[in-house]
């Protein structure tokens, strides 16, 4: 009996110690939860994202040169792909010749104004002369008709005088018609040249626009890098005939990337834009820590934007906890020091008690723009101005 009592006493003591240990662990966990864990949300379902910039031609053509390949770093504005420019050269020459012809034709309109005004003056003088001839012929006819009453003039002379009057009347009508025609021609010419110069004439501007279009088409036979980054997915091949919009390669700007962390819906109660996050990449391990800011929470779950969204209106429905992507921007300086790649896995932890601001003021911008497609047309303008000067003459 004493032995059994001793064993019972030892068992109670061990159970008491075990209970105290579990209670201590519970207390420590509660302290850890309230002090630390409740202020952070973490996930390992996170991946690196970035802008994937496509390089596509704006005109059709045949690839004759490729100056960049996969994994190669390129800078904004450098030539990536060359297209055959023979057709573009021919089109530009045709446009330049057309502009020269239009300038000459338009300049002729301005020169004709002076000639037409001189012609009007000549026709007006001719009209005055024919009217004077008509008046003289009419006076001769009246005088002969008066003399005919006394028998001093024969009927034949009166007939000749009447014929002269009719001829003078015909000459006056012809002179008036010629003067009216010259005035109409002058008015038409003046309407075509009013309030403008040869260089600003609509016909010249239209032809100049065709030159500028052809000049741009020739410039676009060189495909430039729209941003700084690394080349990926090169599909262009020498000899390939490409149409506008055909993807030839992509460029990934490594200096501007972000992380999309897929948190469970129950983890998003306190997550807000502007909160700070720390991240580690499987590529570098725990030795490299990235710091970022929550930019925003996606407007739907991953399944909502899937190609085939889940249809839960069935009788055997089973609830599945959904995940919502949270975008977290990365510090550009840290990216420069330790570059990441699109699709890499990340470990993310968000500090729920950190500063909460609007995403626009708290996080670095993830927007991207380029101006390499805004072709500088000053070269085309120089060509146009030279053609106009050369074809205006004196």
Protein backbone atom coordinates (compact mmCIF):
# COMPACT_ATOMS: atom_id res chain seq x y z
CA UNK A 1 0.00 0.00 0.00
CA UNK A 2 2.69 2.53 0.79
CA UNK A 3 4.20 1.81 -2.65
CA UNK A 4 0.85 2.39 -4.39
CA UNK A 5 0.31 5.62 -2.46
CA UNK A 6 3.80 6.80 -3.42
CA UNK A 7 3.14 6.12 -7.12
CA UNK A 8 -0.18 7.97 -6.96
CA UNK A 9 1.53 10.93 -5.32
CA UNK A 10 4.24 11.02 -8.04
CA UNK A 11 1.58 10.80 -10.77
CA UNK A 12 -0.32 13.73 -9.31
CA UNK A 13 2.87 15.74 -9.03
CA UNK A 14 3.77 15.05 -12.72
CA UNK A 15 0.26 15.91 -13.86
CA UNK A 16 0.43 19.11 -11.87
CA UNK A 17 3.79 20.01 -13.40
CA UNK A 18 2.48 19.19 -16.88
CA UNK A 19 -0.60 21.31 -16.29
CA UNK A 20 1.53 24.20 -15.05
CA UNK A 21 3.78 23.87 -18.12
CA UNK A 22 0.81 23.98 -20.48
CA UNK A 23 -0.65 26.92 -18.58
CA UNK A 24 2.71 28.74 -18.81
CA UNK A 25 2.88 28.00 -22.53
CA UNK A 26 -0.67 29.32 -22.95
CA UNK A 27 0.17 32.47 -21.03
CA UNK A 28 3.33 33.02 -23.06
CA UNK A 29 1.42 32.44 -26.30
CA UNK A 30 -1.27 34.89 -25.20
CA UNK A 31 1.37 37.47 -24.35
CA UNK A 32 3.10 36.87 -27.70
CA UNK A 33 -0.22 37.11 -29.51
CA UNK A 34 -1.34 40.36 -27.93
CA UNK A 35 2.06 42.02 -28.10
CA UNK A 36 3.29 40.79 -31.48
CA UNK A 37 1.20 38.37 -33.53
CA UNK A 38 -2.05 40.37 -33.40
CA UNK A 39 -0.21 43.33 -34.91
CA UNK A 40 1.09 41.47 -37.97
CA UNK A 41 -0.33 39.47 -40.85
CA UNK A 42 1.95 37.22 -42.88
CA UNK A 43 1.80 34.86 -45.82
CA UNK A 44 4.12 32.89 -48.04
CA UNK A 45 1.63 32.92 -50.92
CA UNK A 46 3.20 35.98 -52.51
CA UNK A 47 4.93 36.57 -55.84
CA UNK A 48 6.88 39.29 -57.59
CA UNK A 49 5.10 41.20 -60.36
CA UNK A 50 6.26 43.87 -62.76
CA UNK A 51 5.43 45.70 -65.96
CA UNK A 52 5.93 43.57 -69.06
CA UNK A 53 6.46 46.02 -71.91
CA UNK A 54 5.87 44.67 -75.40
CA UNK A 55 7.97 45.80 -78.36
CA UNK A 56 5.73 45.90 -81.42
CA UNK A 57 6.18 47.54 -84.85
CA UNK A 58 3.98 50.48 -85.88
CA UNK A 59 4.38 49.69 -89.58
CA UNK A 60 4.67 46.48 -91.59
CA UNK A 61 8.05 45.37 -92.86
CA UNK A 62 10.70 42.68 -93.02
CA UNK A 63 13.12 42.23 -90.12
CA UNK A 64 16.70 42.78 -91.33
CA UNK A 65 18.48 43.16 -87.98
CA UNK A 66 18.10 42.29 -84.30
CA UNK A 67 20.28 44.19 -81.84
CA UNK A 68 19.04 42.69 -78.55
CA UNK A 69 18.42 39.21 -77.20
CA UNK A 70 16.94 37.53 -74.12
CA UNK A 71 18.56 38.35 -70.74
CA UNK A 72 20.25 41.45 -72.20
CA UNK A 73 19.97 44.78 -70.39
CA UNK A 74 18.88 47.62 -72.66
CA UNK A 75 18.47 51.35 -72.08
CA UNK A 76 15.56 53.47 -73.19
CA UNK A 77 15.88 54.69 -76.79
CA UNK A 78 18.39 52.10 -78.03
CA UNK A 79 17.62 50.25 -81.28
CA UNK A 80 16.26 46.73 -80.76
CA UNK A 81 15.00 45.66 -84.18
CA UNK A 82 15.60 47.01 -87.71
CA UNK A 83 13.06 46.73 -90.51
CA UNK A 84 13.76 47.01 -94.23
CA UNK A 85 13.42 50.72 -95.13
CA UNK A 86 13.55 50.54 -98.97
CA UNK A 87 9.78 50.90 -99.37
CA UNK A 88 9.76 53.70 -96.81
CA UNK A 89 12.47 55.52 -98.78
CA UNK A 90 10.47 55.27 -102.01
CA UNK A 91 7.30 56.51 -100.29
CA UNK A 92 9.20 59.45 -98.79
CA UNK A 93 10.65 60.40 -102.19
CA UNK A 94 7.18 60.28 -103.76
CA UNK A 95 5.78 62.48 -101.00
CA UNK A 96 8.61 64.98 -101.42
CA UNK A 97 8.07 65.14 -105.22
CA UNK A 98 4.34 65.63 -104.70
CA UNK A 99 4.98 68.48 -102.28
CA UNK A 100 7.32 70.18 -104.78
CA UNK A 101 4.68 69.91 -107.50
CA UNK A 102 1.93 71.29 -105.27
CA UNK A 103 4.13 74.22 -104.22
CA UNK A 104 4.78 75.12 -107.86
CA UNK A 105 1.08 74.86 -108.77
CA UNK A 106 0.05 76.97 -105.79
CA UNK A 107 2.74 79.55 -106.52
CA UNK A 108 1.33 79.81 -110.06
CA UNK A 109 -2.02 80.89 -108.62
CA UNK A 110 -0.39 83.85 -106.88
CA UNK A 111 1.52 84.81 -110.04
CA UNK A 112 -1.66 84.58 -112.14
CA UNK A 113 -3.39 87.21 -109.98
CA UNK A 114 -1.19 89.98 -111.37
CA UNK A 115 -1.56 88.68 -114.95
CA UNK A 116 -5.32 88.46 -114.61
CA UNK A 117 -5.55 92.01 -113.28
CA UNK A 118 -3.50 93.24 -116.26
CA UNK A 119 -5.77 91.27 -118.59
CA UNK A 120 -8.85 92.87 -117.03
CA UNK A 121 -7.38 96.32 -117.59
CA UNK A 122 -6.67 95.46 -121.25
CA UNK A 123 -10.18 94.06 -121.77
CA UNK A 124 -11.71 97.11 -120.11
CA UNK A 125 -9.76 99.37 -122.52
CA UNK A 126 -10.88 97.19 -125.43
CA UNK A 127 -14.48 97.52 -124.27
CA UNK A 128 -14.16 101.31 -124.15
CA UNK A 129 -12.74 101.28 -127.69
CA UNK A 130 -15.55 99.09 -129.06
CA UNK A 131 -18.13 101.28 -127.38
CA UNK A 132 -16.54 104.33 -129.01
CA UNK A 133 -16.59 102.52 -132.38
CA UNK A 134 -20.26 101.68 -131.81
CA UNK A 135 -21.10 105.29 -131.04
CA UNK A 136 -19.28 106.45 -134.20
CA UNK A 137 -21.08 103.87 -136.35
CA UNK A 138 -24.45 104.93 -134.90
CA UNK A 139 -23.71 108.61 -135.62
CA UNK A 140 -22.70 107.75 -139.22
CA UNK A 141 -25.94 105.85 -139.67
CA UNK A 142 -28.06 108.76 -138.36
CA UNK A 143 -26.25 111.25 -140.62
CA UNK A 144 -26.76 109.08 -143.70
CA UNK A 145 -30.39 108.52 -142.83
CA UNK A 146 -30.87 112.32 -142.66
CA UNK A 147 -29.13 112.83 -146.02
CA UNK A 148 -31.13 110.03 -147.58
CA UNK A 149 -34.34 112.12 -147.19
CA UNK A 150 -32.93 114.71 -149.59
CA UNK A 151 -31.55 112.06 -151.93
CA UNK A 152 -27.91 112.85 -151.10
CA UNK A 153 -27.10 109.28 -149.98
CA UNK A 154 -27.92 106.08 -151.74
CA UNK A 155 -29.69 103.16 -150.11
CA UNK A 156 -26.55 101.07 -150.46
CA UNK A 157 -24.57 103.47 -148.22
CA UNK A 158 -27.30 103.33 -145.59
CA UNK A 159 -27.16 99.50 -145.74
CA UNK A 160 -23.38 99.57 -145.21
CA UNK A 161 -23.81 101.96 -142.22
CA UNK A 162 -26.41 99.64 -140.63
CA UNK A 163 -24.06 96.67 -141.08
CA UNK A 164 -21.24 98.63 -139.40
CA UNK A 165 -23.50 99.39 -136.41
CA UNK A 166 -24.42 95.72 -136.00
CA UNK A 167 -20.74 94.71 -136.20
CA UNK A 168 -19.81 97.32 -133.57
CA UNK A 169 -22.65 96.09 -131.31
CA UNK A 170 -21.29 92.52 -131.67
CA UNK A 171 -17.78 93.70 -130.80
CA UNK A 172 -19.12 95.45 -127.67
CA UNK A 173 -20.95 92.28 -126.56
CA UNK A 174 -17.83 90.17 -127.08
CA UNK A 175 -15.67 92.66 -125.17
CA UNK A 176 -18.17 92.69 -122.26
CA UNK A 177 -18.21 88.87 -122.17
CA UNK A 178 -14.40 88.71 -122.21
CA UNK A 179 -14.21 91.28 -119.37
CA UNK A 180 -16.78 89.34 -117.28
CA UNK A 181 -14.88 86.07 -117.84
CA UNK A 182 -11.58 87.65 -116.78
CA UNK A 183 -13.20 89.10 -113.64
CA UNK A 184 -14.69 85.69 -112.73
CA UNK A 185 -11.32 84.00 -113.20
CA UNK A 186 -9.64 86.63 -111.02
CA UNK A 187 -12.26 86.23 -108.28
CA UNK A 188 -11.77 82.45 -108.31
CA UNK A 189 -8.01 82.84 -108.10
CA UNK A 190 -8.28 85.38 -105.31
CA UNK A 191 -10.61 83.09 -103.36
CA UNK A 192 -8.00 80.30 -103.61
CA UNK A 193 -5.19 82.56 -102.40
CA UNK A 194 -6.98 84.91 -100.00
CA UNK A 195 -5.56 85.47 -96.48
CA UNK A 196 -2.76 82.95 -96.84
CA UNK A 197 0.71 82.41 -98.22
CA UNK A 198 2.07 79.63 -100.38
CA UNK A 199 3.55 77.85 -97.33
CA UNK A 200 0.23 78.06 -95.44
CA UNK A 201 -2.00 77.18 -98.38
CA UNK A 202 -4.30 74.19 -97.63
CA UNK A 203 -3.03 72.21 -100.63
CA UNK A 204 0.58 72.75 -99.54
CA UNK A 205 -0.23 71.83 -95.93
CA UNK A 206 -1.91 68.62 -97.10
CA UNK A 207 1.11 67.66 -99.21
CA UNK A 208 3.42 68.55 -96.31
CA UNK A 209 1.43 66.24 -94.02
CA UNK A 210 2.02 63.39 -96.48
CA UNK A 211 5.76 64.10 -96.36
CA UNK A 212 5.67 64.08 -92.57
CA UNK A 213 3.75 60.79 -92.57
CA UNK A 214 6.27 59.18 -94.92
CA UNK A 215 9.15 60.55 -92.85
CA UNK A 216 7.65 59.01 -89.70
CA UNK A 217 7.16 55.68 -91.48
CA UNK A 218 10.86 55.65 -92.37
CA UNK A 219 11.86 56.57 -88.81
CA UNK A 220 9.70 53.74 -87.48
CA UNK A 221 11.71 51.13 -89.34
CA UNK A 222 13.93 51.29 -86.25
CA UNK A 223 12.20 49.82 -83.19
CA UNK A 224 13.52 51.45 -80.02
CA UNK A 225 13.50 50.27 -76.42
CA UNK A 226 10.57 52.06 -74.74
CA UNK A 227 12.02 51.69 -71.21
CA UNK A 228 15.13 50.52 -69.36
CA UNK A 229 15.04 46.85 -68.53
CA UNK A 230 15.88 43.26 -69.44
CA UNK A 231 14.83 41.68 -72.74
CA UNK A 232 12.60 38.61 -72.53
CA UNK A 233 10.49 36.49 -74.86
CA UNK A 234 12.29 37.50 -78.05
CA UNK A 235 10.38 36.03 -80.97
CA UNK A 236 11.70 38.23 -83.79
CA UNK A 237 13.71 36.48 -86.47
CA UNK A 238 15.70 37.94 -89.37
CA UNK A 239 13.69 37.69 -92.59
CA UNK A 240 10.37 37.59 -90.76
CA UNK A 241 7.68 39.84 -92.27
CA UNK A 242 5.81 41.51 -89.45
CA UNK A 243 2.56 43.44 -89.32
CA UNK A 244 1.79 46.40 -87.03
CA UNK A 245 1.20 45.18 -83.49
CA UNK A 246 3.10 41.89 -83.84
CA UNK A 247 4.90 41.17 -80.50
CA UNK A 248 8.62 40.85 -81.25
CA UNK A 249 10.01 40.86 -77.70
CA UNK A 250 9.23 42.14 -74.23
CA UNK A 251 11.18 44.28 -71.79
CA UNK A 252 10.84 43.97 -68.03
CA UNK A 253 11.88 47.09 -66.05
CA UNK A 254 13.64 45.54 -63.05
CA UNK A 255 13.80 48.88 -61.21
CA UNK A 256 10.01 49.04 -60.88
CA UNK A 257 8.48 45.90 -59.40
CA UNK A 258 5.94 45.05 -56.75
CA UNK A 259 4.69 42.06 -54.78
CA UNK A 260 1.19 40.65 -54.86
CA UNK A 261 0.58 38.84 -51.59
CA UNK A 262 -2.46 36.57 -51.54
CA UNK A 263 -3.92 36.85 -48.03
CA UNK A 264 -6.83 34.80 -46.73
CA UNK A 265 -10.01 36.81 -46.46
CA UNK A 266 -9.96 36.48 -42.66
CA UNK A 267 -6.54 38.19 -42.59
CA UNK A 268 -7.70 41.40 -44.24
CA UNK A 269 -9.74 42.89 -41.41
CA UNK A 270 -7.04 45.39 -40.44
CA UNK A 271 -5.00 45.60 -43.65
CA UNK A 272 -5.10 49.09 -45.17
CA UNK A 273 -3.14 51.03 -47.81
CA UNK A 274 -0.09 52.79 -46.43
CA UNK A 275 0.91 50.09 -43.94
CA UNK A 276 4.54 48.96 -43.96
CA UNK A 277 5.62 45.46 -44.90
CA UNK A 278 8.82 43.47 -44.70
CA UNK A 279 9.60 40.76 -47.22
CA UNK A 280 12.18 38.13 -47.98
CA UNK A 281 12.75 36.35 -51.27
CA UNK A 282 13.46 32.67 -51.64
CA UNK A 283 16.08 33.71 -54.21
CA UNK A 284 18.22 35.42 -51.54
CA UNK A 285 16.92 33.75 -48.39
CA UNK A 286 16.57 35.49 -45.06
CA UNK A 287 19.84 37.40 -45.44
CA UNK A 288 18.16 40.07 -47.59
CA UNK A 289 15.10 41.92 -46.33
CA UNK A 290 12.94 44.13 -48.53
CA UNK A 291 10.78 46.93 -47.21
CA UNK A 292 7.57 47.99 -48.89
CA UNK A 293 4.26 49.76 -48.47
CA UNK A 294 0.77 48.42 -49.05
CA UNK A 295 -0.53 50.18 -52.14
CA UNK A 296 -3.98 48.69 -52.23
CA UNK A 297 -6.21 45.64 -52.06
CA UNK A 298 -7.50 44.09 -55.28
CA UNK A 299 -11.20 44.57 -56.03
CA UNK A 300 -11.90 40.83 -56.04
CA UNK A 301 -10.58 37.43 -55.08
CA UNK A 302 -8.33 35.43 -57.35
CA UNK A 303 -11.15 33.03 -58.26
CA UNK A 304 -13.44 35.92 -59.23
CA UNK A 305 -11.08 36.98 -62.03
CA UNK A 306 -10.20 33.44 -63.12
CA UNK A 307 -10.81 32.37 -66.71
CA UNK A 308 -13.47 29.96 -65.42
CA UNK A 309 -14.92 31.50 -62.21
CA UNK A 310 -16.12 29.04 -59.57
CA UNK A 311 -19.86 28.32 -59.68
CA UNK A 312 -21.00 27.57 -56.12
CA UNK A 313 -24.75 27.36 -56.75
CA UNK A 314 -24.81 23.58 -56.32
CA UNK A 315 -26.20 21.23 -53.70
CA UNK A 316 -22.84 19.76 -52.72
CA UNK A 317 -21.23 23.11 -51.97
CA UNK A 318 -18.17 23.15 -49.72
CA UNK A 319 -16.90 26.44 -48.37
CA UNK A 320 -13.33 27.29 -49.37
CA UNK A 321 -11.47 30.16 -47.77
CA UNK A 322 -10.76 32.69 -50.52
CA UNK A 323 -7.57 34.68 -51.00
CA UNK A 324 -7.39 38.32 -52.05
CA UNK A 325 -4.28 39.82 -53.71
CA UNK A 326 -2.72 42.74 -51.84
CA UNK A 327 -0.29 44.91 -53.83
CA UNK A 328 2.87 45.93 -51.98
CA UNK A 329 5.40 48.28 -53.57
CA UNK A 330 9.13 47.75 -53.18
CA UNK A 331 11.90 50.21 -52.42
CA UNK A 332 13.69 51.03 -55.73
CA UNK A 333 17.04 51.33 -53.93
CA UNK A 334 16.71 47.85 -52.47
CA UNK A 335 15.72 46.54 -55.91
CA UNK A 336 18.85 48.07 -57.41
CA UNK A 337 20.99 46.42 -54.75
CA UNK A 338 19.28 43.02 -55.02
CA UNK A 339 17.32 42.71 -58.30
CA UNK A 340 14.27 40.47 -58.41
CA UNK A 341 12.60 38.67 -61.30
CA UNK A 342 8.93 38.44 -62.20
CA UNK A 343 7.27 35.41 -60.63
CA UNK A 344 9.69 34.86 -57.72
CA UNK A 345 8.24 33.64 -54.41
CA UNK A 346 8.23 36.00 -51.40
CA UNK A 347 7.54 35.83 -47.68
CA UNK A 348 5.46 38.87 -46.63
CA UNK A 349 4.67 40.32 -43.23
CA UNK A 350 2.51 43.44 -42.82
CA UNK A 351 2.75 45.67 -39.74
CA UNK A 352 -0.88 46.50 -38.95
CA UNK A 353 0.09 49.32 -36.57
CA UNK A 354 2.32 51.18 -39.01
CA UNK A 355 1.41 54.48 -40.62
CA UNK A 356 -1.84 54.40 -42.56
CA UNK A 357 -2.04 56.87 -45.43
CA UNK A 358 -3.58 56.94 -48.86
CA UNK A 359 -1.80 54.70 -51.34
CA UNK A 360 -0.99 57.64 -53.62
CA UNK A 361 0.99 59.49 -50.95
CA UNK A 362 2.47 56.53 -49.10
CA UNK A 363 3.67 54.15 -51.79
CA UNK A 364 6.03 54.65 -54.72
CA UNK A 365 4.18 54.88 -58.03
CA UNK A 366 3.95 51.72 -60.13
CA UNK A 367 2.81 53.60 -63.23
CA UNK A 368 4.97 53.47 -66.35
CA UNK A 369 5.17 55.69 -69.42
CA UNK A 370 7.44 56.25 -72.38
CA UNK A 371 8.00 58.99 -74.95
CA UNK A 372 10.04 57.07 -77.54
CA UNK A 373 6.99 56.78 -79.79
CA UNK A 374 6.49 60.55 -79.79
CA UNK A 375 8.74 60.92 -82.81
CA UNK A 376 10.60 64.21 -83.14
CA UNK A 377 9.29 65.66 -86.43
CA UNK A 378 11.76 68.52 -86.59
CA UNK A 379 13.74 66.60 -89.22
CA UNK A 380 10.61 66.28 -91.37
CA UNK A 381 9.84 69.98 -90.89
CA UNK A 382 13.35 70.88 -92.10
CA UNK A 383 12.83 68.76 -95.25
CA UNK A 384 9.43 70.37 -95.88
CA UNK A 385 10.73 73.92 -95.45
CA UNK A 386 13.62 73.25 -97.83
CA UNK A 387 11.30 71.87 -100.53
CA UNK A 388 9.04 74.92 -100.23
CA UNK A 389 11.98 77.33 -100.49
CA UNK A 390 13.51 75.52 -103.46
CA UNK A 391 10.26 75.52 -105.46
CA UNK A 392 9.07 79.07 -104.79
CA UNK A 393 11.69 80.53 -107.11
CA UNK A 394 12.26 84.29 -106.91
